[in-house]
Amino acid sequence: MADYYPIEQEGQTPVPNTYREGTRFTISSIDRGSGGGRVLVFDSEKDMKPVEDYYRGFSGALYSHVYAEGNVLLQINGELPKAKAEEYDRGLQEVA
């Protein structure tokens, strides 16, 4: 079972703070130290853009899968295989 908690509990991060609310979650197949992902909700696409650009800007070991639907952004650690990350994206598409 995955753990999840509000982003406010993360403390200081370099992620632009333009989101209204967010949830951090773990993925059991990824090393706990590497994390899992985040779901962030924004008031507008304009607010979402800097955060989307931030996560899309990583490559190599810091790479993230990034998906968006409406004003919701899903970021998943790049250690998760793309096919598995796309399963999370399909879930986002169903609920957003």
PDB file of N, CA and C in Angstrom:
ATOM      1  N   MET A   1       0.843  -1.187   0.000  1.00  0.00           N
ATOM      2  CA  MET A   1       0.000   0.000   0.000  1.00  0.00           C
ATOM      3  C   MET A   1       0.885   1.246   0.000  1.00  0.00           C
ATOM      4  N   ALA A   2       0.500   2.224  -0.767  1.00  0.00           N
ATOM      5  CA  ALA A   2       1.270   3.465  -0.866  1.00  0.00           C
ATOM      6  C   ALA A   2       0.927   4.402   0.282  1.00  0.00           C
ATOM      7  N   ASP A   3       1.922   5.159   0.675  1.00  0.00           N
ATOM      8  CA  ASP A   3       1.703   6.223   1.653  1.00  0.00           C
ATOM      9  C   ASP A   3       1.438   7.508   0.890  1.00  0.00           C
ATOM     10  N   TYR A   4       0.674   8.404   1.477  1.00  0.00           N
ATOM     11  CA  TYR A   4       0.454   9.707   0.862  1.00  0.00           C
ATOM     12  C   TYR A   4       0.248  10.734   1.967  1.00  0.00           C
ATOM     13  N   TYR A   5       0.571  11.977   1.647  1.00  0.00           N
ATOM     14  CA  TYR A   5       0.401  13.052   2.608  1.00  0.00           C
ATOM     15  C   TYR A   5       0.363  14.381   1.875  1.00  0.00           C
ATOM     16  N   PRO A   6      -0.233  15.409   2.492  1.00  0.00           N
ATOM     17  CA  PRO A   6      -0.308  16.726   1.857  1.00  0.00           C
ATOM     18  C   PRO A   6       1.089  17.291   1.620  1.00  0.00           C
ATOM     19  N   ILE A   7       1.259  17.998   0.525  1.00  0.00           N
ATOM     20  CA  ILE A   7       2.536  18.610   0.178  1.00  0.00           C
ATOM     21  C   ILE A   7       2.994  19.584   1.260  1.00  0.00           C
ATOM     22  N   GLU A   8       2.081  20.237   1.953  1.00  0.00           N
ATOM     23  CA  GLU A   8       2.480  21.211   2.980  1.00  0.00           C
ATOM     24  C   GLU A   8       3.428  20.597   4.001  1.00  0.00           C
ATOM     25  N   GLN A   9       3.392  19.287   4.158  1.00  0.00           N
ATOM     26  CA  GLN A   9       4.260  18.627   5.118  1.00  0.00           C
ATOM     27  C   GLN A   9       5.680  18.419   4.599  1.00  0.00           C
ATOM     28  N   GLU A  10       5.948  18.740   3.349  1.00  0.00           N
ATOM     29  CA  GLU A  10       7.272  18.540   2.770  1.00  0.00           C
ATOM     30  C   GLU A  10       8.271  19.605   3.203  1.00  0.00           C
ATOM     31  N   GLY A  11       7.795  20.753   3.585  1.00  0.00           N
ATOM     32  CA  GLY A  11       8.718  21.822   3.945  1.00  0.00           C
ATOM     33  C   GLY A  11       9.195  22.578   2.719  1.00  0.00           C
ATOM     34  N   GLN A  12      10.370  23.164   2.821  1.00  0.00           N
ATOM     35  CA  GLN A  12      10.930  23.983   1.743  1.00  0.00           C
ATOM     36  C   GLN A  12      11.374  23.110   0.573  1.00  0.00           C
ATOM     37  N   THR A  13      10.927  23.450  -0.624  1.00  0.00           N
ATOM     38  CA  THR A  13      11.364  22.777  -1.844  1.00  0.00           C
ATOM     39  C   THR A  13      11.589  23.833  -2.918  1.00  0.00           C
ATOM     40  N   PRO A  14      12.359  23.503  -3.953  1.00  0.00           N
ATOM     41  CA  PRO A  14      12.577  24.458  -5.044  1.00  0.00           C
ATOM     42  C   PRO A  14      11.417  24.515  -6.049  1.00  0.00           C
ATOM     43  N   VAL A  15      10.395  23.708  -5.837  1.00  0.00           N
ATOM     44  CA  VAL A  15       9.251  23.696  -6.751  1.00  0.00           C
ATOM     45  C   VAL A  15       8.500  25.016  -6.621  1.00  0.00           C
ATOM     46  N   PRO A  16       8.196  25.680  -7.762  1.00  0.00           N
ATOM     47  CA  PRO A  16       7.423  26.926  -7.681  1.00  0.00           C
ATOM     48  C   PRO A  16       6.119  26.685  -6.907  1.00  0.00           C
ATOM     49  N   ASN A  17       5.807  27.555  -5.996  1.00  0.00           N
ATOM     50  CA  ASN A  17       4.644  27.391  -5.124  1.00  0.00           C
ATOM     51  C   ASN A  17       3.415  28.082  -5.721  1.00  0.00           C
ATOM     52  N   THR A  18       3.017  27.640  -6.904  1.00  0.00           N
ATOM     53  CA  THR A  18       1.852  28.234  -7.558  1.00  0.00           C
ATOM     54  C   THR A  18       0.636  27.326  -7.490  1.00  0.00           C
ATOM     55  N   TYR A  19       0.756  26.190  -6.824  1.00  0.00           N
ATOM     56  CA  TYR A  19      -0.360  25.253  -6.731  1.00  0.00           C
ATOM     57  C   TYR A  19      -1.255  25.591  -5.540  1.00  0.00           C
ATOM     58  N   ARG A  20      -2.523  25.229  -5.668  1.00  0.00           N
ATOM     59  CA  ARG A  20      -3.502  25.458  -4.597  1.00  0.00           C
ATOM     60  C   ARG A  20      -3.419  24.360  -3.551  1.00  0.00           C
ATOM     61  N   GLU A  21      -3.275  23.122  -3.996  1.00  0.00           N
ATOM     62  CA  GLU A  21      -3.139  22.007  -3.070  1.00  0.00           C
ATOM     63  C   GLU A  21      -2.365  20.892  -3.755  1.00  0.00           C
ATOM     64  N   GLY A  22      -1.804  20.022  -2.962  1.00  0.00           N
ATOM     65  CA  GLY A  22      -1.041  18.932  -3.522  1.00  0.00           C
ATOM     66  C   GLY A  22      -0.925  17.761  -2.571  1.00  0.00           C
ATOM     67  N   THR A  23      -0.699  16.599  -3.159  1.00  0.00           N
ATOM     68  CA  THR A  23      -0.515  15.373  -2.398  1.00  0.00           C
ATOM     69  C   THR A  23       0.722  14.657  -2.919  1.00  0.00           C
ATOM     70  N   ARG A  24       1.545  14.215  -2.008  1.00  0.00           N
ATOM     71  CA  ARG A  24       2.749  13.441  -2.318  1.00  0.00           C
ATOM     72  C   ARG A  24       2.408  11.994  -2.038  1.00  0.00           C
ATOM     73  N   PHE A  25       2.851  11.060  -2.907  1.00  0.00           N
ATOM     74  CA  PHE A  25       2.577   9.648  -2.674  1.00  0.00           C
ATOM     75  C   PHE A  25       3.804   8.807  -2.989  1.00  0.00           C
ATOM     76  N   THR A  26       3.880   7.666  -2.349  1.00  0.00           N
ATOM     77  CA  THR A  26       4.970   6.729  -2.611  1.00  0.00           C
ATOM     78  C   THR A  26       4.468   5.649  -3.565  1.00  0.00           C
ATOM     79  N   ILE A  27       5.402   5.026  -4.242  1.00  0.00           N
ATOM     80  CA  ILE A  27       5.104   3.896  -5.117  1.00  0.00           C
ATOM     81  C   ILE A  27       5.955   2.742  -4.614  1.00  0.00           C
ATOM     82  N   SER A  28       5.312   1.657  -4.235  1.00  0.00           N
ATOM     83  CA  SER A  28       6.020   0.571  -3.562  1.00  0.00           C
ATOM     84  C   SER A  28       7.144  -0.028  -4.397  1.00  0.00           C
ATOM     85  N   SER A  29       7.070   0.023  -5.717  1.00  0.00           N
ATOM     86  CA  SER A  29       8.127  -0.561  -6.549  1.00  0.00           C
ATOM     87  C   SER A  29       9.332   0.362  -6.717  1.00  0.00           C
ATOM     88  N   ILE A  30       9.257   1.577  -6.181  1.00  0.00           N
ATOM     89  CA  ILE A  30      10.371   2.526  -6.239  1.00  0.00           C
ATOM     90  C   ILE A  30      10.969   2.634  -4.851  1.00  0.00           C
ATOM     91  N   ASP A  31      12.274   2.706  -4.792  1.00  0.00           N
ATOM     92  CA  ASP A  31      12.978   2.872  -3.525  1.00  0.00           C
ATOM     93  C   ASP A  31      12.372   4.021  -2.736  1.00  0.00           C
ATOM     94  N   ARG A  32      12.078   3.789  -1.468  1.00  0.00           N
ATOM     95  CA  ARG A  32      11.454   4.813  -0.615  1.00  0.00           C
ATOM     96  C   ARG A  32      12.216   6.138  -0.626  1.00  0.00           C
ATOM     97  N   GLY A  33      13.549   6.086  -0.672  1.00  0.00           N
ATOM     98  CA  GLY A  33      14.330   7.315  -0.691  1.00  0.00           C
ATOM     99  C   GLY A  33      14.129   8.126  -1.957  1.00  0.00           C
ATOM    100  N   SER A  34      13.727   7.446  -3.034  1.00  0.00           N
ATOM    101  CA  SER A  34      13.518   8.131  -4.311  1.00  0.00           C
ATOM    102  C   SER A  34      12.118   8.702  -4.431  1.00  0.00           C
ATOM    103  N   GLY A  35      11.221   8.220  -3.581  1.00  0.00           N
ATOM    104  CA  GLY A  35       9.873   8.750  -3.594  1.00  0.00           C
ATOM    105  C   GLY A  35       8.967   8.065  -4.581  1.00  0.00           C
ATOM    106  N   GLY A  36       7.980   8.784  -5.017  1.00  0.00           N
ATOM    107  CA  GLY A  36       6.979   8.253  -5.924  1.00  0.00           C
ATOM    108  C   GLY A  36       6.492   9.333  -6.849  1.00  0.00           C
ATOM    109  N   GLY A  37       5.593  10.162  -6.344  1.00  0.00           N
ATOM    110  CA  GLY A  37       5.072  11.208  -7.201  1.00  0.00           C
ATOM    111  C   GLY A  37       4.266  12.236  -6.432  1.00  0.00           C
ATOM    112  N   ARG A  38       3.694  13.154  -7.214  1.00  0.00           N
ATOM    113  CA  ARG A  38       2.892  14.237  -6.662  1.00  0.00           C
ATOM    114  C   ARG A  38       1.688  14.479  -7.564  1.00  0.00           C
ATOM    115  N   VAL A  39       0.596  14.856  -6.962  1.00  0.00           N
ATOM    116  CA  VAL A  39      -0.566  15.363  -7.688  1.00  0.00           C
ATOM    117  C   VAL A  39      -0.767  16.779  -7.187  1.00  0.00           C
ATOM    118  N   LEU A  40      -0.725  17.729  -8.106  1.00  0.00           N
ATOM    119  CA  LEU A  40      -0.851  19.141  -7.756  1.00  0.00           C
ATOM    120  C   LEU A  40      -2.058  19.738  -8.480  1.00  0.00           C
ATOM    121  N   VAL A  41      -2.830  20.525  -7.759  1.00  0.00           N
ATOM    122  CA  VAL A  41      -4.015  21.168  -8.313  1.00  0.00           C
ATOM    123  C   VAL A  41      -3.766  22.671  -8.358  1.00  0.00           C
ATOM    124  N   PHE A  42      -4.087  23.272  -9.491  1.00  0.00           N
ATOM    125  CA  PHE A  42      -3.843  24.703  -9.724  1.00  0.00           C
ATOM    126  C   PHE A  42      -5.153  25.431 -10.002  1.00  0.00           C
ATOM    127  N   ASP A  43      -5.142  26.731  -9.808  1.00  0.00           N
ATOM    128  CA  ASP A  43      -6.313  27.540 -10.125  1.00  0.00           C
ATOM    129  C   ASP A  43      -6.433  27.810 -11.617  1.00  0.00           C
ATOM    130  N   SER A  44      -5.300  27.736 -12.334  1.00  0.00           N
ATOM    131  CA  SER A  44      -5.325  28.012 -13.773  1.00  0.00           C
ATOM    132  C   SER A  44      -4.130  27.323 -14.442  1.00  0.00           C
ATOM    133  N   GLU A  45      -4.210  27.204 -15.766  1.00  0.00           N
ATOM    134  CA  GLU A  45      -3.078  26.651 -16.520  1.00  0.00           C
ATOM    135  C   GLU A  45      -1.864  27.575 -16.412  1.00  0.00           C
ATOM    136  N   LYS A  46      -2.117  28.876 -16.299  1.00  0.00           N
ATOM    137  CA  LYS A  46      -1.022  29.840 -16.136  1.00  0.00           C
ATOM    138  C   LYS A  46      -0.249  29.540 -14.848  1.00  0.00           C
ATOM    139  N   ASP A  47      -0.957  29.213 -13.775  1.00  0.00           N
ATOM    140  CA  ASP A  47      -0.301  28.860 -12.514  1.00  0.00           C
ATOM    141  C   ASP A  47       0.441  27.528 -12.624  1.00  0.00           C
ATOM    142  N   MET A  48      -0.098  26.612 -13.444  1.00  0.00           N
ATOM    143  CA  MET A  48       0.497  25.282 -13.582  1.00  0.00           C
ATOM    144  C   MET A  48       1.783  25.301 -14.409  1.00  0.00           C
ATOM    145  N   LYS A  49       1.880  26.176 -15.377  1.00  0.00           N
ATOM    146  CA  LYS A  49       2.989  26.190 -16.337  1.00  0.00           C
ATOM    147  C   LYS A  49       4.379  26.201 -15.692  1.00  0.00           C
ATOM    148  N   PRO A  50       4.686  27.059 -14.706  1.00  0.00           N
ATOM    149  CA  PRO A  50       6.035  27.058 -14.133  1.00  0.00           C
ATOM    150  C   PRO A  50       6.402  25.736 -13.459  1.00  0.00           C
ATOM    151  N   VAL A  51       5.422  25.086 -12.837  1.00  0.00           N
ATOM    152  CA  VAL A  51       5.689  23.820 -12.162  1.00  0.00           C
ATOM    153  C   VAL A  51       5.879  22.711 -13.196  1.00  0.00           C
ATOM    154  N   GLU A  52       5.046  22.718 -14.214  1.00  0.00           N
ATOM    155  CA  GLU A  52       5.187  21.740 -15.302  1.00  0.00           C
ATOM    156  C   GLU A  52       6.557  21.885 -15.962  1.00  0.00           C
ATOM    157  N   ASP A  53       6.956  23.114 -16.256  1.00  0.00           N
ATOM    158  CA  ASP A  53       8.274  23.361 -16.853  1.00  0.00           C
ATOM    159  C   ASP A  53       9.401  22.901 -15.928  1.00  0.00           C
ATOM    160  N   TYR A  54       9.233  23.122 -14.625  1.00  0.00           N
ATOM    161  CA  TYR A  54      10.232  22.723 -13.642  1.00  0.00           C
ATOM    162  C   TYR A  54      10.474  21.213 -13.716  1.00  0.00           C
ATOM    163  N   TYR A  55       9.406  20.424 -13.660  1.00  0.00           N
ATOM    164  CA  TYR A  55       9.563  18.975 -13.679  1.00  0.00           C
ATOM    165  C   TYR A  55       9.978  18.449 -15.044  1.00  0.00           C
ATOM    166  N   ARG A  56       9.516  19.060 -16.114  1.00  0.00           N
ATOM    167  CA  ARG A  56       9.916  18.619 -17.454  1.00  0.00           C
ATOM    168  C   ARG A  56      11.384  18.955 -17.749  1.00  0.00           C
ATOM    169  N   GLY A  57      11.959  19.873 -16.995  1.00  0.00           N
ATOM    170  CA  GLY A  57      13.331  20.302 -17.214  1.00  0.00           C
ATOM    171  C   GLY A  57      14.389  19.327 -16.728  1.00  0.00           C
ATOM    172  N   PHE A  58      13.994  18.312 -15.973  1.00  0.00           N
ATOM    173  CA  PHE A  58      14.957  17.349 -15.461  1.00  0.00           C
ATOM    174  C   PHE A  58      15.252  16.255 -16.480  1.00  0.00           C
ATOM    175  N   SER A  59      16.469  15.745 -16.422  1.00  0.00           N
ATOM    176  CA  SER A  59      16.846  14.607 -17.257  1.00  0.00           C
ATOM    177  C   SER A  59      17.769  13.711 -16.442  1.00  0.00           C
ATOM    178  N   GLY A  60      18.167  12.614 -17.019  1.00  0.00           N
ATOM    179  CA  GLY A  60      19.063  11.704 -16.318  1.00  0.00           C
ATOM    180  C   GLY A  60      18.429  11.144 -15.059  1.00  0.00           C
ATOM    181  N   ALA A  61      19.188  11.100 -13.983  1.00  0.00           N
ATOM    182  CA  ALA A  61      18.728  10.512 -12.723  1.00  0.00           C
ATOM    183  C   ALA A  61      17.550  11.271 -12.117  1.00  0.00           C
ATOM    184  N   LEU A  62      17.380  12.526 -12.472  1.00  0.00           N
ATOM    185  CA  LEU A  62      16.293  13.327 -11.903  1.00  0.00           C
ATOM    186  C   LEU A  62      15.046  13.374 -12.790  1.00  0.00           C
ATOM    187  N   TYR A  63      15.060  12.635 -13.903  1.00  0.00           N
ATOM    188  CA  TYR A  63      13.949  12.640 -14.849  1.00  0.00           C
ATOM    189  C   TYR A  63      12.621  12.315 -14.163  1.00  0.00           C
ATOM    190  N   SER A  64      11.561  12.982 -14.595  1.00  0.00           N
ATOM    191  CA  SER A  64      10.210  12.727 -14.104  1.00  0.00           C
ATOM    192  C   SER A  64       9.271  12.490 -15.267  1.00  0.00           C
ATOM    193  N   HIS A  65       8.287  11.634 -15.036  1.00  0.00           N
ATOM    194  CA  HIS A  65       7.149  11.522 -15.946  1.00  0.00           C
ATOM    195  C   HIS A  65       6.201  12.642 -15.529  1.00  0.00           C
ATOM    196  N   VAL A  66       5.725  13.421 -16.472  1.00  0.00           N
ATOM    197  CA  VAL A  66       4.846  14.550 -16.159  1.00  0.00           C
ATOM    198  C   VAL A  66       3.608  14.472 -17.046  1.00  0.00           C
ATOM    199  N   TYR A  67       2.454  14.501 -16.408  1.00  0.00           N
ATOM    200  CA  TYR A  67       1.180  14.448 -17.121  1.00  0.00           C
ATOM    201  C   TYR A  67       0.283  15.562 -16.591  1.00  0.00           C
ATOM    202  N   ALA A  68      -0.542  16.109 -17.465  1.00  0.00           N
ATOM    203  CA  ALA A  68      -1.462  17.176 -17.056  1.00  0.00           C
ATOM    204  C   ALA A  68      -2.839  16.923 -17.661  1.00  0.00           C
ATOM    205  N   GLU A  69      -3.833  17.267 -16.881  1.00  0.00           N
ATOM    206  CA  GLU A  69      -5.215  17.209 -17.345  1.00  0.00           C
ATOM    207  C   GLU A  69      -5.941  18.372 -16.697  1.00  0.00           C
ATOM    208  N   GLY A  70      -6.419  19.302 -17.530  1.00  0.00           N
ATOM    209  CA  GLY A  70      -7.053  20.496 -16.983  1.00  0.00           C
ATOM    210  C   GLY A  70      -6.060  21.255 -16.126  1.00  0.00           C
ATOM    211  N   ASN A  71      -6.421  21.503 -14.885  1.00  0.00           N
ATOM    212  CA  ASN A  71      -5.543  22.226 -13.949  1.00  0.00           C
ATOM    213  C   ASN A  71      -4.893  21.288 -12.933  1.00  0.00           C
ATOM    214  N   VAL A  72      -4.739  20.017 -13.307  1.00  0.00           N
ATOM    215  CA  VAL A  72      -4.135  19.022 -12.426  1.00  0.00           C
ATOM    216  C   VAL A  72      -2.867  18.493 -13.070  1.00  0.00           C
ATOM    217  N   LEU A  73      -1.795  18.472 -12.286  1.00  0.00           N
ATOM    218  CA  LEU A  73      -0.495  17.989 -12.759  1.00  0.00           C
ATOM    219  C   LEU A  73      -0.112  16.742 -11.970  1.00  0.00           C
ATOM    220  N   LEU A  74       0.328  15.722 -12.679  1.00  0.00           N
ATOM    221  CA  LEU A  74       0.818  14.488 -12.073  1.00  0.00           C
ATOM    222  C   LEU A  74       2.294  14.364 -12.398  1.00  0.00           C
ATOM    223  N   GLN A  75       3.133  14.277 -11.378  1.00  0.00           N
ATOM    224  CA  GLN A  75       4.581  14.101 -11.530  1.00  0.00           C
ATOM    225  C   GLN A  75       4.946  12.785 -10.874  1.00  0.00           C
ATOM    226  N   ILE A  76       5.673  11.932 -11.628  1.00  0.00           N
ATOM    227  CA  ILE A  76       6.085  10.635 -11.117  1.00  0.00           C
ATOM    228  C   ILE A  76       7.580  10.469 -11.342  1.00  0.00           C
ATOM    229  N   ASN A  77       8.256   9.937 -10.329  1.00  0.00           N
ATOM    230  CA  ASN A  77       9.693   9.682 -10.406  1.00  0.00           C
ATOM    231  C   ASN A  77      10.008   8.876 -11.662  1.00  0.00           C
ATOM    232  N   GLY A  78      11.053   9.284 -12.382  1.00  0.00           N
ATOM    233  CA  GLY A  78      11.442   8.646 -13.621  1.00  0.00           C
ATOM    234  C   GLY A  78      11.949   7.220 -13.479  1.00  0.00           C
ATOM    235  N   GLU A  79      12.196   6.765 -12.237  1.00  0.00           N
ATOM    236  CA  GLU A  79      12.603   5.375 -12.032  1.00  0.00           C
ATOM    237  C   GLU A  79      11.481   4.403 -12.380  1.00  0.00           C
ATOM    238  N   LEU A  80      10.247   4.855 -12.314  1.00  0.00           N
ATOM    239  CA  LEU A  80       9.122   4.001 -12.663  1.00  0.00           C
ATOM    240  C   LEU A  80       9.098   3.839 -14.183  1.00  0.00           C
ATOM    241  N   PRO A  81       9.005   2.613 -14.691  1.00  0.00           N
ATOM    242  CA  PRO A  81       8.951   2.432 -16.148  1.00  0.00           C
ATOM    243  C   PRO A  81       7.790   3.217 -16.759  1.00  0.00           C
ATOM    244  N   LYS A  82       8.003   3.701 -17.983  1.00  0.00           N
ATOM    245  CA  LYS A  82       7.017   4.538 -18.662  1.00  0.00           C
ATOM    246  C   LYS A  82       5.643   3.865 -18.733  1.00  0.00           C
ATOM    247  N   ALA A  83       5.607   2.574 -19.023  1.00  0.00           N
ATOM    248  CA  ALA A  83       4.319   1.877 -19.124  1.00  0.00           C
ATOM    249  C   ALA A  83       3.554   1.936 -17.806  1.00  0.00           C
ATOM    250  N   LYS A  84       4.243   1.812 -16.690  1.00  0.00           N
ATOM    251  CA  LYS A  84       3.593   1.901 -15.377  1.00  0.00           C
ATOM    252  C   LYS A  84       3.147   3.330 -15.097  1.00  0.00           C
ATOM    253  N   ALA A  85       3.992   4.307 -15.451  1.00  0.00           N
ATOM    254  CA  ALA A  85       3.627   5.714 -15.248  1.00  0.00           C
ATOM    255  C   ALA A  85       2.379   6.060 -16.042  1.00  0.00           C
ATOM    256  N   GLU A  86       2.257   5.490 -17.237  1.00  0.00           N
ATOM    257  CA  GLU A  86       1.083   5.762 -18.060  1.00  0.00           C
ATOM    258  C   GLU A  86      -0.189   5.205 -17.436  1.00  0.00           C
ATOM    259  N   GLU A  87      -0.067   4.168 -16.602  1.00  0.00           N
ATOM    260  CA  GLU A  87      -1.238   3.673 -15.877  1.00  0.00           C
ATOM    261  C   GLU A  87      -1.743   4.739 -14.904  1.00  0.00           C
ATOM    262  N   TYR A  88      -0.821   5.429 -14.249  1.00  0.00           N
ATOM    263  CA  TYR A  88      -1.205   6.523 -13.350  1.00  0.00           C
ATOM    264  C   TYR A  88      -1.856   7.649 -14.150  1.00  0.00           C
ATOM    265  N   ASP A  89      -1.314   7.927 -15.345  1.00  0.00           N
ATOM    266  CA  ASP A  89      -1.893   8.966 -16.192  1.00  0.00           C
ATOM    267  C   ASP A  89      -3.320   8.595 -16.590  1.00  0.00           C
ATOM    268  N   ARG A  90      -3.551   7.333 -16.920  1.00  0.00           N
ATOM    269  CA  ARG A  90      -4.912   6.926 -17.265  1.00  0.00           C
ATOM    270  C   ARG A  90      -5.862   7.140 -16.083  1.00  0.00           C
ATOM    271  N   GLY A  91      -5.379   6.885 -14.884  1.00  0.00           N
ATOM    272  CA  GLY A  91      -6.182   7.161 -13.691  1.00  0.00           C
ATOM    273  C   GLY A  91      -6.498   8.641 -13.560  1.00  0.00           C
ATOM    274  N   LEU A  92      -5.495   9.480 -13.835  1.00  0.00           N
ATOM    275  CA  LEU A  92      -5.709  10.932 -13.804  1.00  0.00           C
ATOM    276  C   LEU A  92      -6.769  11.340 -14.816  1.00  0.00           C
ATOM    277  N   GLN A  93      -6.688  10.809 -16.022  1.00  0.00           N
ATOM    278  CA  GLN A  93      -7.638  11.159 -17.074  1.00  0.00           C
ATOM    279  C   GLN A  93      -9.068  10.781 -16.663  1.00  0.00           C
ATOM    280  N   GLU A  94      -9.198   9.687 -15.913  1.00  0.00           N
ATOM    281  CA  GLU A  94     -10.526   9.246 -15.485  1.00  0.00           C
ATOM    282  C   GLU A  94     -11.153  10.130 -14.419  1.00  0.00           C
ATOM    283  N   VAL A  95     -10.315  10.690 -13.537  1.00  0.00           N
ATOM    284  CA  VAL A  95     -10.864  11.442 -12.409  1.00  0.00           C
ATOM    285  C   VAL A  95     -10.825  12.951 -12.599  1.00  0.00           C
ATOM    286  N   ALA A  96      -9.982  13.448 -13.477  1.00  0.00           N
ATOM    287  CA  ALA A  96      -9.835  14.915 -13.630  1.00  0.00           C
ATOM    288  C   ALA A  96     -10.858  15.488 -14.575  1.00  0.00           C
TER     289      ALA A  96
END
